[in-house]
Amino acid sequence: MDKVSKKILNAIIIYEPDSSYLNYNDFCETYRVDIEPLSFPVIKACLAYLKGEGYIDDVYINGQSTGFTLTHKGRNYKAFKWIAAKQFIFNSILVPIGVSLVTTLITLLITLCVIPTFFP
């Protein structure tokens, strides 16, 4: 996620609790005035990205998409990011260290116990 999308997602998290959903055009205008002067196409592109990644969902009234709301993933994206970082650290750092230690201990055990019996 790029910086602009992250800023927009944080703004949605701030504004969304005031209502059950946010209107696309109202949010774009509010964001441009109150937070950062970005063009409508940039904000719309970020919203499309957030929707595609599952951070927001469309809200339909009478069959028409009138706005969007946060998903669980969007509301808690920092927690999901932390979980992914912990999994990366475990899988990429701790597991290889553990395998290396076990391999070293087995090699040491073989060297000390098995080799002296064959070569006195």
PDB file of N, CA and C in Angstrom:
ATOM      1  N   MET A   1       0.849  -1.169   0.000  1.00  0.00           N
ATOM      2  CA  MET A   1       0.000   0.000   0.000  1.00  0.00           C
ATOM      3  C   MET A   1       0.904   1.245   0.000  1.00  0.00           C
ATOM      4  N   ASP A   2       0.618   2.175  -0.881  1.00  0.00           N
ATOM      5  CA  ASP A   2       1.435   3.388  -0.951  1.00  0.00           C
ATOM      6  C   ASP A   2       1.000   4.399   0.112  1.00  0.00           C
ATOM      7  N   LYS A   3       1.758   5.494   0.218  1.00  0.00           N
ATOM      8  CA  LYS A   3       1.504   6.484   1.276  1.00  0.00           C
ATOM      9  C   LYS A   3       0.145   7.159   1.114  1.00  0.00           C
ATOM     10  N   VAL A   4      -0.224   7.483  -0.122  1.00  0.00           N
ATOM     11  CA  VAL A   4      -1.497   8.184  -0.345  1.00  0.00           C
ATOM     12  C   VAL A   4      -2.665   7.277   0.042  1.00  0.00           C
ATOM     13  N   SER A   5      -2.613   6.020  -0.364  1.00  0.00           N
ATOM     14  CA  SER A   5      -3.689   5.083  -0.011  1.00  0.00           C
ATOM     15  C   SER A   5      -3.776   4.909   1.495  1.00  0.00           C
ATOM     16  N   LYS A   6      -2.632   4.861   2.164  1.00  0.00           N
ATOM     17  CA  LYS A   6      -2.620   4.716   3.620  1.00  0.00           C
ATOM     18  C   LYS A   6      -3.227   5.949   4.290  1.00  0.00           C
ATOM     19  N   LYS A   7      -2.908   7.148   3.776  1.00  0.00           N
ATOM     20  CA  LYS A   7      -3.484   8.372   4.335  1.00  0.00           C
ATOM     21  C   LYS A   7      -5.002   8.393   4.147  1.00  0.00           C
ATOM     22  N   ILE A   8      -5.440   7.969   2.966  1.00  0.00           N
ATOM     23  CA  ILE A   8      -6.877   7.956   2.691  1.00  0.00           C
ATOM     24  C   ILE A   8      -7.572   6.929   3.581  1.00  0.00           C
ATOM     25  N   LEU A   9      -6.983   5.759   3.747  1.00  0.00           N
ATOM     26  CA  LEU A   9      -7.575   4.744   4.619  1.00  0.00           C
ATOM     27  C   LEU A   9      -7.658   5.250   6.054  1.00  0.00           C
ATOM     28  N   ASN A  10      -6.627   5.915   6.538  1.00  0.00           N
ATOM     29  CA  ASN A  10      -6.673   6.489   7.891  1.00  0.00           C
ATOM     30  C   ASN A  10      -7.766   7.544   8.004  1.00  0.00           C
ATOM     31  N   ALA A  11      -7.954   8.343   6.956  1.00  0.00           N
ATOM     32  CA  ALA A  11      -9.019   9.348   6.971  1.00  0.00           C
ATOM     33  C   ALA A  11     -10.392   8.681   6.988  1.00  0.00           C
ATOM     34  N   ILE A  12     -10.545   7.601   6.231  1.00  0.00           N
ATOM     35  CA  ILE A  12     -11.817   6.869   6.239  1.00  0.00           C
ATOM     36  C   ILE A  12     -12.099   6.335   7.639  1.00  0.00           C
ATOM     37  N   ILE A  13     -11.068   5.800   8.287  1.00  0.00           N
ATOM     38  CA  ILE A  13     -11.241   5.269   9.647  1.00  0.00           C
ATOM     39  C   ILE A  13     -11.700   6.380  10.591  1.00  0.00           C
ATOM     40  N   ILE A  14     -11.186   7.586  10.404  1.00  0.00           N
ATOM     41  CA  ILE A  14     -11.580   8.719  11.251  1.00  0.00           C
ATOM     42  C   ILE A  14     -13.014   9.155  10.952  1.00  0.00           C
ATOM     43  N   TYR A  15     -13.370   9.285   9.662  1.00  0.00           N
ATOM     44  CA  TYR A  15     -14.677   9.829   9.284  1.00  0.00           C
ATOM     45  C   TYR A  15     -15.804   8.801   9.334  1.00  0.00           C
ATOM     46  N   GLU A  16     -15.511   7.530   9.120  1.00  0.00           N
ATOM     47  CA  GLU A  16     -16.555   6.520   8.978  1.00  0.00           C
ATOM     48  C   GLU A  16     -17.411   6.287  10.209  1.00  0.00           C
ATOM     49  N   PRO A  17     -16.885   6.355  11.424  1.00  0.00           N
ATOM     50  CA  PRO A  17     -17.756   6.099  12.584  1.00  0.00           C
ATOM     51  C   PRO A  17     -18.923   7.077  12.729  1.00  0.00           C
ATOM     52  N   ASP A  18     -18.848   8.242  12.065  1.00  0.00           N
ATOM     53  CA  ASP A  18     -19.938   9.211  12.166  1.00  0.00           C
ATOM     54  C   ASP A  18     -21.203   8.733  11.458  1.00  0.00           C
ATOM     55  N   SER A  19     -21.066   7.808  10.528  1.00  0.00           N
ATOM     56  CA  SER A  19     -22.225   7.316   9.784  1.00  0.00           C
ATOM     57  C   SER A  19     -22.010   5.855   9.432  1.00  0.00           C
ATOM     58  N   SER A  20     -23.052   5.241   8.897  1.00  0.00           N
ATOM     59  CA  SER A  20     -22.935   3.831   8.540  1.00  0.00           C
ATOM     60  C   SER A  20     -22.152   3.641   7.244  1.00  0.00           C
ATOM     61  N   TYR A  21     -22.087   4.675   6.417  1.00  0.00           N
ATOM     62  CA  TYR A  21     -21.289   4.612   5.199  1.00  0.00           C
ATOM     63  C   TYR A  21     -20.893   6.018   4.778  1.00  0.00           C
ATOM     64  N   LEU A  22     -19.948   6.105   3.870  1.00  0.00           N
ATOM     65  CA  LEU A  22     -19.481   7.383   3.351  1.00  0.00           C
ATOM     66  C   LEU A  22     -19.811   7.466   1.870  1.00  0.00           C
ATOM     67  N   ASN A  23     -20.280   8.618   1.431  1.00  0.00           N
ATOM     68  CA  ASN A  23     -20.550   8.867   0.023  1.00  0.00           C
ATOM     69  C   ASN A  23     -19.231   9.156  -0.684  1.00  0.00           C
ATOM     70  N   TYR A  24     -19.035   8.565  -1.869  1.00  0.00           N
ATOM     71  CA  TYR A  24     -17.777   8.741  -2.591  1.00  0.00           C
ATOM     72  C   TYR A  24     -17.454  10.211  -2.842  1.00  0.00           C
ATOM     73  N   ASN A  25     -18.375  10.948  -3.438  1.00  0.00           N
ATOM     74  CA  ASN A  25     -18.100  12.346  -3.794  1.00  0.00           C
ATOM     75  C   ASN A  25     -17.939  13.231  -2.562  1.00  0.00           C
ATOM     76  N   ASP A  26     -18.769  13.014  -1.549  1.00  0.00           N
ATOM     77  CA  ASP A  26     -18.645  13.806  -0.321  1.00  0.00           C
ATOM     78  C   ASP A  26     -17.295  13.560   0.352  1.00  0.00           C
ATOM     79  N   PHE A  27     -16.882  12.298   0.388  1.00  0.00           N
ATOM     80  CA  PHE A  27     -15.592  11.992   1.001  1.00  0.00           C
ATOM     81  C   PHE A  27     -14.461  12.638   0.217  1.00  0.00           C
ATOM     82  N   CYS A  28     -14.509  12.550  -1.115  1.00  0.00           N
ATOM     83  CA  CYS A  28     -13.449  13.149  -1.940  1.00  0.00           C
ATOM     84  C   CYS A  28     -13.339  14.644  -1.675  1.00  0.00           C
ATOM     85  N   GLU A  29     -14.476  15.319  -1.618  1.00  0.00           N
ATOM     86  CA  GLU A  29     -14.469  16.762  -1.376  1.00  0.00           C
ATOM     87  C   GLU A  29     -13.971  17.084   0.028  1.00  0.00           C
ATOM     88  N   THR A  30     -14.437  16.347   1.026  1.00  0.00           N
ATOM     89  CA  THR A  30     -14.000  16.570   2.402  1.00  0.00           C
ATOM     90  C   THR A  30     -12.508  16.318   2.540  1.00  0.00           C
ATOM     91  N   TYR A  31     -12.029  15.249   1.921  1.00  0.00           N
ATOM     92  CA  TYR A  31     -10.612  14.917   1.997  1.00  0.00           C
ATOM     93  C   TYR A  31      -9.773  16.016   1.356  1.00  0.00           C
ATOM     94  N   ARG A  32     -10.189  16.494   0.196  1.00  0.00           N
ATOM     95  CA  ARG A  32      -9.435  17.541  -0.513  1.00  0.00           C
ATOM     96  C   ARG A  32      -9.375  18.824   0.291  1.00  0.00           C
ATOM     97  N   VAL A  33     -10.460  19.177   0.961  1.00  0.00           N
ATOM     98  CA  VAL A  33     -10.522  20.442   1.698  1.00  0.00           C
ATOM     99  C   VAL A  33      -9.848  20.315   3.067  1.00  0.00           C
ATOM    100  N   ASP A  34     -10.164  19.257   3.805  1.00  0.00           N
ATOM    101  CA  ASP A  34      -9.726  19.155   5.197  1.00  0.00           C
ATOM    102  C   ASP A  34      -8.347  18.530   5.387  1.00  0.00           C
ATOM    103  N   ILE A  35      -7.934  17.638   4.505  1.00  0.00           N
ATOM    104  CA  ILE A  35      -6.727  16.865   4.786  1.00  0.00           C
ATOM    105  C   ILE A  35      -5.597  17.173   3.818  1.00  0.00           C
ATOM    106  N   GLU A  36      -5.820  16.929   2.545  1.00  0.00           N
ATOM    107  CA  GLU A  36      -4.733  17.087   1.580  1.00  0.00           C
ATOM    108  C   GLU A  36      -5.326  17.430   0.220  1.00  0.00           C
ATOM    109  N   PRO A  37      -4.787  18.437  -0.445  1.00  0.00           N
ATOM    110  CA  PRO A  37      -5.350  18.839  -1.737  1.00  0.00           C
ATOM    111  C   PRO A  37      -4.925  17.909  -2.882  1.00  0.00           C
ATOM    112  N   LEU A  38      -5.624  16.787  -3.014  1.00  0.00           N
ATOM    113  CA  LEU A  38      -5.385  15.868  -4.128  1.00  0.00           C
ATOM    114  C   LEU A  38      -6.524  15.999  -5.128  1.00  0.00           C
ATOM    115  N   SER A  39      -6.260  15.631  -6.353  1.00  0.00           N
ATOM    116  CA  SER A  39      -7.298  15.699  -7.371  1.00  0.00           C
ATOM    117  C   SER A  39      -8.293  14.551  -7.184  1.00  0.00           C
ATOM    118  N   PHE A  40      -9.521  14.759  -7.704  1.00  0.00           N
ATOM    119  CA  PHE A  40     -10.538  13.712  -7.623  1.00  0.00           C
ATOM    120  C   PHE A  40     -10.072  12.400  -8.247  1.00  0.00           C
ATOM    121  N   PRO A  41      -9.429  12.434  -9.437  1.00  0.00           N
ATOM    122  CA  PRO A  41      -8.991  11.158 -10.017  1.00  0.00           C
ATOM    123  C   PRO A  41      -8.002  10.387  -9.133  1.00  0.00           C
ATOM    124  N   VAL A  42      -7.118  11.092  -8.443  1.00  0.00           N
ATOM    125  CA  VAL A  42      -6.150  10.420  -7.560  1.00  0.00           C
ATOM    126  C   VAL A  42      -6.879   9.775  -6.387  1.00  0.00           C
ATOM    127  N   ILE A  43      -7.809  10.508  -5.778  1.00  0.00           N
ATOM    128  CA  ILE A  43      -8.558   9.968  -4.644  1.00  0.00           C
ATOM    129  C   ILE A  43      -9.419   8.796  -5.098  1.00  0.00           C
ATOM    130  N   LYS A  44     -10.091   8.939  -6.239  1.00  0.00           N
ATOM    131  CA  LYS A  44     -10.925   7.851  -6.763  1.00  0.00           C
ATOM    132  C   LYS A  44     -10.080   6.620  -7.063  1.00  0.00           C
ATOM    133  N   ALA A  45      -8.878   6.823  -7.618  1.00  0.00           N
ATOM    134  CA  ALA A  45      -7.990   5.693  -7.918  1.00  0.00           C
ATOM    135  C   ALA A  45      -7.573   4.994  -6.628  1.00  0.00           C
ATOM    136  N   CYS A  46      -7.267   5.756  -5.595  1.00  0.00           N
ATOM    137  CA  CYS A  46      -6.915   5.150  -4.298  1.00  0.00           C
ATOM    138  C   CYS A  46      -8.093   4.388  -3.712  1.00  0.00           C
ATOM    139  N   LEU A  47      -9.294   4.949  -3.828  1.00  0.00           N
ATOM    140  CA  LEU A  47     -10.480   4.256  -3.329  1.00  0.00           C
ATOM    141  C   LEU A  47     -10.721   2.963  -4.108  1.00  0.00           C
ATOM    142  N   ALA A  48     -10.482   3.001  -5.432  1.00  0.00           N
ATOM    143  CA  ALA A  48     -10.628   1.783  -6.246  1.00  0.00           C
ATOM    144  C   ALA A  48      -9.597   0.745  -5.816  1.00  0.00           C
ATOM    145  N   TYR A  49      -8.380   1.179  -5.532  1.00  0.00           N
ATOM    146  CA  TYR A  49      -7.339   0.262  -5.050  1.00  0.00           C
ATOM    147  C   TYR A  49      -7.756  -0.353  -3.710  1.00  0.00           C
ATOM    148  N   LEU A  50      -8.229   0.482  -2.784  1.00  0.00           N
ATOM    149  CA  LEU A  50      -8.643  -0.004  -1.470  1.00  0.00           C
ATOM    150  C   LEU A  50      -9.812  -0.987  -1.591  1.00  0.00           C
ATOM    151  N   LYS A  51     -10.717  -0.714  -2.518  1.00  0.00           N
ATOM    152  CA  LYS A  51     -11.832  -1.631  -2.750  1.00  0.00           C
ATOM    153  C   LYS A  51     -11.324  -2.950  -3.327  1.00  0.00           C
ATOM    154  N   GLY A  52     -10.408  -2.884  -4.281  1.00  0.00           N
ATOM    155  CA  GLY A  52      -9.862  -4.086  -4.895  1.00  0.00           C
ATOM    156  C   GLY A  52      -9.090  -4.951  -3.918  1.00  0.00           C
ATOM    157  N   GLU A  53      -8.458  -4.325  -2.948  1.00  0.00           N
ATOM    158  CA  GLU A  53      -7.686  -5.063  -1.945  1.00  0.00           C
ATOM    159  C   GLU A  53      -8.551  -5.523  -0.763  1.00  0.00           C
ATOM    160  N   GLY A  54      -9.820  -5.128  -0.757  1.00  0.00           N
ATOM    161  CA  GLY A  54     -10.730  -5.592   0.287  1.00  0.00           C
ATOM    162  C   GLY A  54     -10.775  -4.731   1.535  1.00  0.00           C
ATOM    163  N   TYR A  55     -10.263  -3.507   1.469  1.00  0.00           N
ATOM    164  CA  TYR A  55     -10.282  -2.627   2.638  1.00  0.00           C
ATOM    165  C   TYR A  55     -11.620  -1.893   2.771  1.00  0.00           C
ATOM    166  N   ILE A  56     -12.294  -1.655   1.652  1.00  0.00           N
ATOM    167  CA  ILE A  56     -13.612  -1.015   1.667  1.00  0.00           C
ATOM    168  C   ILE A  56     -14.553  -1.812   0.766  1.00  0.00           C
ATOM    169  N   ASP A  57     -15.856  -1.655   1.003  1.00  0.00           N
ATOM    170  CA  ASP A  57     -16.896  -2.283   0.183  1.00  0.00           C
ATOM    171  C   ASP A  57     -17.902  -1.229  -0.227  1.00  0.00           C
ATOM    172  N   ASP A  58     -18.523  -1.443  -1.381  1.00  0.00           N
ATOM    173  CA  ASP A  58     -19.590  -0.549  -1.824  1.00  0.00           C
ATOM    174  C   ASP A  58     -20.834  -0.739  -0.971  1.00  0.00           C
ATOM    175  N   VAL A  59     -21.586   0.344  -0.817  1.00  0.00           N
ATOM    176  CA  VAL A  59     -22.885   0.296  -0.159  1.00  0.00           C
ATOM    177  C   VAL A  59     -23.921   0.584  -1.231  1.00  0.00           C
ATOM    178  N   TYR A  60     -24.899  -0.305  -1.353  1.00  0.00           N
ATOM    179  CA  TYR A  60     -25.925  -0.159  -2.374  1.00  0.00           C
ATOM    180  C   TYR A  60     -27.248   0.236  -1.728  1.00  0.00           C
ATOM    181  N   ILE A  61     -27.874   1.268  -2.294  1.00  0.00           N
ATOM    182  CA  ILE A  61     -29.211   1.690  -1.882  1.00  0.00           C
ATOM    183  C   ILE A  61     -30.050   1.727  -3.143  1.00  0.00           C
ATOM    184  N   ASN A  62     -31.147   0.988  -3.129  1.00  0.00           N
ATOM    185  CA  ASN A  62     -32.028   0.863  -4.303  1.00  0.00           C
ATOM    186  C   ASN A  62     -31.263   0.391  -5.530  1.00  0.00           C
ATOM    187  N   GLY A  63     -30.322  -0.511  -5.327  1.00  0.00           N
ATOM    188  CA  GLY A  63     -29.595  -1.092  -6.449  1.00  0.00           C
ATOM    189  C   GLY A  63     -28.460  -0.249  -6.991  1.00  0.00           C
ATOM    190  N   GLN A  64     -28.227   0.909  -6.429  1.00  0.00           N
ATOM    191  CA  GLN A  64     -27.145   1.770  -6.901  1.00  0.00           C
ATOM    192  C   GLN A  64     -26.084   1.921  -5.825  1.00  0.00           C
ATOM    193  N   SER A  65     -24.837   1.947  -6.267  1.00  0.00           N
ATOM    194  CA  SER A  65     -23.734   2.162  -5.337  1.00  0.00           C
ATOM    195  C   SER A  65     -23.715   3.635  -4.949  1.00  0.00           C
ATOM    196  N   THR A  66     -23.991   3.890  -3.684  1.00  0.00           N
ATOM    197  CA  THR A  66     -24.052   5.280  -3.238  1.00  0.00           C
ATOM    198  C   THR A  66     -22.860   5.685  -2.385  1.00  0.00           C
ATOM    199  N   GLY A  67     -22.104   4.716  -1.929  1.00  0.00           N
ATOM    200  CA  GLY A  67     -20.975   5.044  -1.078  1.00  0.00           C
ATOM    201  C   GLY A  67     -20.176   3.804  -0.753  1.00  0.00           C
ATOM    202  N   PHE A  68     -19.440   3.890   0.331  1.00  0.00           N
ATOM    203  CA  PHE A  68     -18.603   2.767   0.743  1.00  0.00           C
ATOM    204  C   PHE A  68     -18.524   2.719   2.254  1.00  0.00           C
ATOM    205  N   THR A  69     -18.109   1.570   2.748  1.00  0.00           N
ATOM    206  CA  THR A  69     -17.921   1.367   4.174  1.00  0.00           C
ATOM    207  C   THR A  69     -16.649   0.540   4.377  1.00  0.00           C
ATOM    208  N   LEU A  70     -16.087   0.636   5.536  1.00  0.00           N
ATOM    209  CA  LEU A  70     -14.883  -0.136   5.853  1.00  0.00           C
ATOM    210  C   LEU A  70     -15.222  -1.603   6.051  1.00  0.00           C
ATOM    211  N   THR A  71     -14.338  -2.467   5.623  1.00  0.00           N
ATOM    212  CA  THR A  71     -14.449  -3.886   5.936  1.00  0.00           C
ATOM    213  C   THR A  71     -13.653  -4.137   7.218  1.00  0.00           C
ATOM    214  N   HIS A  72     -13.724  -5.357   7.704  1.00  0.00           N
ATOM    215  CA  HIS A  72     -12.934  -5.728   8.890  1.00  0.00           C
ATOM    216  C   HIS A  72     -11.441  -5.547   8.605  1.00  0.00           C
ATOM    217  N   LYS A  73     -11.037  -5.934   7.417  1.00  0.00           N
ATOM    218  CA  LYS A  73      -9.631  -5.791   7.020  1.00  0.00           C
ATOM    219  C   LYS A  73      -9.222  -4.316   6.994  1.00  0.00           C
ATOM    220  N   GLY A  74     -10.100  -3.454   6.511  1.00  0.00           N
ATOM    221  CA  GLY A  74      -9.797  -2.029   6.452  1.00  0.00           C
ATOM    222  C   GLY A  74      -9.754  -1.369   7.813  1.00  0.00           C
ATOM    223  N   ARG A  75     -10.690  -1.746   8.656  1.00  0.00           N
ATOM    224  CA  ARG A  75     -10.755  -1.153   9.995  1.00  0.00           C
ATOM    225  C   ARG A  75      -9.560  -1.576  10.850  1.00  0.00           C
ATOM    226  N   ASN A  76      -9.029  -2.772  10.604  1.00  0.00           N
ATOM    227  CA  ASN A  76      -7.946  -3.308  11.418  1.00  0.00           C
ATOM    228  C   ASN A  76      -6.682  -3.578  10.613  1.00  0.00           C
ATOM    229  N   TYR A  77      -6.407  -2.755   9.617  1.00  0.00           N
ATOM    230  CA  TYR A  77      -5.283  -3.040   8.721  1.00  0.00           C
ATOM    231  C   TYR A  77      -3.937  -3.031   9.447  1.00  0.00           C
ATOM    232  N   LYS A  78      -3.806  -2.234  10.492  1.00  0.00           N
ATOM    233  CA  LYS A  78      -2.535  -2.203  11.229  1.00  0.00           C
ATOM    234  C   LYS A  78      -2.292  -3.526  11.954  1.00  0.00           C
ATOM    235  N   ALA A  79      -3.339  -4.102  12.504  1.00  0.00           N
ATOM    236  CA  ALA A  79      -3.201  -5.393  13.183  1.00  0.00           C
ATOM    237  C   ALA A  79      -2.821  -6.483  12.181  1.00  0.00           C
ATOM    238  N   PHE A  80      -3.458  -6.476  11.005  1.00  0.00           N
ATOM    239  CA  PHE A  80      -3.122  -7.466   9.980  1.00  0.00           C
ATOM    240  C   PHE A  80      -1.687  -7.292   9.491  1.00  0.00           C
ATOM    241  N   LYS A  81      -1.251  -6.050   9.393  1.00  0.00           N
ATOM    242  CA  LYS A  81       0.127  -5.774   8.976  1.00  0.00           C
ATOM    243  C   LYS A  81       1.115  -6.297  10.027  1.00  0.00           C
ATOM    244  N   TRP A  82       0.812  -6.125  11.303  1.00  0.00           N
ATOM    245  CA  TRP A  82       1.669  -6.604  12.381  1.00  0.00           C
ATOM    246  C   TRP A  82       1.725  -8.129  12.390  1.00  0.00           C
ATOM    247  N   ILE A  83       0.587  -8.782  12.176  1.00  0.00           N
ATOM    248  CA  ILE A  83       0.553 -10.247  12.113  1.00  0.00           C
ATOM    249  C   ILE A  83       1.428 -10.750  10.974  1.00  0.00           C
ATOM    250  N   ALA A  84       1.338 -10.105   9.815  1.00  0.00           N
ATOM    251  CA  ALA A  84       2.160 -10.503   8.666  1.00  0.00           C
ATOM    252  C   ALA A  84       3.647 -10.301   8.962  1.00  0.00           C
ATOM    253  N   ALA A  85       3.992  -9.224   9.663  1.00  0.00           N
ATOM    254  CA  ALA A  85       5.397  -8.970  10.006  1.00  0.00           C
ATOM    255  C   ALA A  85       5.908 -10.039  10.980  1.00  0.00           C
ATOM    256  N   LYS A  86       5.087 -10.407  11.962  1.00  0.00           N
ATOM    257  CA  LYS A  86       5.496 -11.452  12.900  1.00  0.00           C
ATOM    258  C   LYS A  86       5.684 -12.786  12.190  1.00  0.00           C
ATOM    259  N   GLN A  87       4.802 -13.113  11.267  1.00  0.00           N
ATOM    260  CA  GLN A  87       4.945 -14.364  10.511  1.00  0.00           C
ATOM    261  C   GLN A  87       6.222 -14.353   9.676  1.00  0.00           C
ATOM    262  N   PHE A  88       6.530 -13.215   9.075  1.00  0.00           N
ATOM    263  CA  PHE A  88       7.748 -13.098   8.285  1.00  0.00           C
ATOM    264  C   PHE A  88       8.983 -13.302   9.166  1.00  0.00           C
ATOM    265  N   ILE A  89       9.003 -12.646  10.318  1.00  0.00           N
ATOM    266  CA  ILE A  89      10.146 -12.779  11.228  1.00  0.00           C
ATOM    267  C   ILE A  89      10.300 -14.231  11.682  1.00  0.00           C
ATOM    268  N   PHE A  90       9.199 -14.867  12.016  1.00  0.00           N
ATOM    269  CA  PHE A  90       9.266 -16.256  12.464  1.00  0.00           C
ATOM    270  C   PHE A  90       9.774 -17.160  11.343  1.00  0.00           C
ATOM    271  N   ASN A  91       9.162 -17.053  10.161  1.00  0.00           N
ATOM    272  CA  ASN A  91       9.505 -17.950   9.052  1.00  0.00           C
ATOM    273  C   ASN A  91      10.863 -17.659   8.424  1.00  0.00           C
ATOM    274  N   SER A  92      11.267 -16.414   8.390  1.00  0.00           N
ATOM    275  CA  SER A  92      12.493 -16.060   7.685  1.00  0.00           C
ATOM    276  C   SER A  92      13.717 -15.920   8.579  1.00  0.00           C
ATOM    277  N   ILE A  93      13.511 -15.768   9.875  1.00  0.00           N
ATOM    278  CA  ILE A  93      14.651 -15.558  10.770  1.00  0.00           C
ATOM    279  C   ILE A  93      14.740 -16.648  11.836  1.00  0.00           C
ATOM    280  N   LEU A  94      13.674 -16.842  12.590  1.00  0.00           N
ATOM    281  CA  LEU A  94      13.737 -17.774  13.712  1.00  0.00           C
ATOM    282  C   LEU A  94      13.824 -19.239  13.276  1.00  0.00           C
ATOM    283  N   VAL A  95      13.056 -19.627  12.277  1.00  0.00           N
ATOM    284  CA  VAL A  95      13.111 -21.016  11.815  1.00  0.00           C
ATOM    285  C   VAL A  95      14.495 -21.366  11.272  1.00  0.00           C
ATOM    286  N   PRO A  96      15.099 -20.541  10.398  1.00  0.00           N
ATOM    287  CA  PRO A  96      16.452 -20.878   9.939  1.00  0.00           C
ATOM    288  C   PRO A  96      17.487 -20.948  11.073  1.00  0.00           C
ATOM    289  N   ILE A  97      17.367 -20.078  12.070  1.00  0.00           N
ATOM    290  CA  ILE A  97      18.287 -20.133  13.206  1.00  0.00           C
ATOM    291  C   ILE A  97      18.099 -21.449  13.954  1.00  0.00           C
ATOM    292  N   GLY A  98      16.856 -21.855  14.177  1.00  0.00           N
ATOM    293  CA  GLY A  98      16.577 -23.115  14.854  1.00  0.00           C
ATOM    294  C   GLY A  98      17.111 -24.313  14.085  1.00  0.00           C
ATOM    295  N   VAL A  99      16.911 -24.325  12.780  1.00  0.00           N
ATOM    296  CA  VAL A  99      17.426 -25.421  11.948  1.00  0.00           C
ATOM    297  C   VAL A  99      18.944 -25.455  12.004  1.00  0.00           C
ATOM    298  N   SER A 100      19.564 -24.298  11.962  1.00  0.00           N
ATOM    299  CA  SER A 100      21.020 -24.222  12.030  1.00  0.00           C
ATOM    300  C   SER A 100      21.540 -24.759  13.361  1.00  0.00           C
ATOM    301  N   LEU A 101      20.893 -24.390  14.460  1.00  0.00           N
ATOM    302  CA  LEU A 101      21.307 -24.883  15.778  1.00  0.00           C
ATOM    303  C   LEU A 101      21.166 -26.405  15.884  1.00  0.00           C
ATOM    304  N   VAL A 102      20.041 -26.936  15.431  1.00  0.00           N
ATOM    305  CA  VAL A 102      19.823 -28.380  15.492  1.00  0.00           C
ATOM    306  C   VAL A 102      20.843 -29.108  14.628  1.00  0.00           C
ATOM    307  N   THR A 103      21.107 -28.595  13.436  1.00  0.00           N
ATOM    308  CA  THR A 103      22.098 -29.206  12.553  1.00  0.00           C
ATOM    309  C   THR A 103      23.485 -29.185  13.186  1.00  0.00           C
ATOM    310  N   THR A 104      23.832 -28.073  13.804  1.00  0.00           N
ATOM    311  CA  THR A 104      25.128 -27.963  14.466  1.00  0.00           C
ATOM    312  C   THR A 104      25.239 -28.954  15.624  1.00  0.00           C
ATOM    313  N   LEU A 105      24.202 -29.085  16.418  1.00  0.00           N
ATOM    314  CA  LEU A 105      24.214 -30.024  17.544  1.00  0.00           C
ATOM    315  C   LEU A 105      24.319 -31.471  17.064  1.00  0.00           C
ATOM    316  N   ILE A 106      23.614 -31.811  16.019  1.00  0.00           N
ATOM    317  CA  ILE A 106      23.693 -33.171  15.474  1.00  0.00           C
ATOM    318  C   ILE A 106      25.091 -33.446  14.939  1.00  0.00           C
ATOM    319  N   THR A 107      25.644 -32.479  14.223  1.00  0.00           N
ATOM    320  CA  THR A 107      27.003 -32.634  13.696  1.00  0.00           C
ATOM    321  C   THR A 107      28.008 -32.782  14.835  1.00  0.00           C
ATOM    322  N   LEU A 108      27.870 -31.989  15.865  1.00  0.00           N
ATOM    323  CA  LEU A 108      28.754 -32.073  17.019  1.00  0.00           C
ATOM    324  C   LEU A 108      28.618 -33.422  17.721  1.00  0.00           C
ATOM    325  N   LEU A 109      27.401 -33.892  17.870  1.00  0.00           N
ATOM    326  CA  LEU A 109      27.155 -35.193  18.489  1.00  0.00           C
ATOM    327  C   LEU A 109      27.793 -36.320  17.678  1.00  0.00           C
ATOM    328  N   ILE A 110      27.637 -36.263  16.383  1.00  0.00           N
ATOM    329  CA  ILE A 110      28.253 -37.281  15.517  1.00  0.00           C
ATOM    330  C   ILE A 110      29.771 -37.206  15.622  1.00  0.00           C
ATOM    331  N   THR A 111      30.298 -36.014  15.625  1.00  0.00           N
ATOM    332  CA  THR A 111      31.747 -35.832  15.697  1.00  0.00           C
ATOM    333  C   THR A 111      32.305 -36.363  17.012  1.00  0.00           C
ATOM    334  N   LEU A 112      31.636 -36.118  18.107  1.00  0.00           N
ATOM    335  CA  LEU A 112      32.148 -36.527  19.415  1.00  0.00           C
ATOM    336  C   LEU A 112      31.878 -37.994  19.754  1.00  0.00           C
ATOM    337  N   CYS A 113      30.786 -38.525  19.277  1.00  0.00           N
ATOM    338  CA  CYS A 113      30.387 -39.871  19.699  1.00  0.00           C
ATOM    339  C   CYS A 113      30.686 -40.955  18.657  1.00  0.00           C
ATOM    340  N   VAL A 114      30.423 -40.694  17.427  1.00  0.00           N
ATOM    341  CA  VAL A 114      30.498 -41.729  16.408  1.00  0.00           C
ATOM    342  C   VAL A 114      31.900 -41.840  15.824  1.00  0.00           C
ATOM    343  N   ILE A 115      32.508 -40.750  15.493  1.00  0.00           N
ATOM    344  CA  ILE A 115      33.818 -40.797  14.826  1.00  0.00           C
ATOM    345  C   ILE A 115      34.901 -41.418  15.713  1.00  0.00           C
ATOM    346  N   PRO A 116      34.981 -41.141  17.022  1.00  0.00           N
ATOM    347  CA  PRO A 116      36.017 -41.788  17.850  1.00  0.00           C
ATOM    348  C   PRO A 116      35.909 -43.311  17.887  1.00  0.00           C
ATOM    349  N   THR A 117      34.702 -43.861  17.706  1.00  0.00           N
ATOM    350  CA  THR A 117      34.574 -45.314  17.719  1.00  0.00           C
ATOM    351  C   THR A 117      35.127 -45.959  16.460  1.00  0.00           C
ATOM    352  N   PHE A 118      35.104 -45.259  15.353  1.00  0.00           N
ATOM    353  CA  PHE A 118      35.634 -45.795  14.092  1.00  0.00           C
ATOM    354  C   PHE A 118      37.127 -45.531  13.946  1.00  0.00           C
ATOM    355  N   PHE A 119      37.592 -44.447  14.504  1.00  0.00           N
ATOM    356  CA  PHE A 119      39.012 -44.089  14.399  1.00  0.00           C
ATOM    357  C   PHE A 119      39.593 -43.884  15.795  1.00  0.00           C
ATOM    358  N   PRO A 120      40.012 -44.972  16.446  1.00  0.00           N
ATOM    359  CA  PRO A 120      40.515 -44.834  17.817  1.00  0.00           C
ATOM    360  C   PRO A 120      41.850 -44.153  17.935  1.00  0.00           C
TER     361      PRO A 120
END
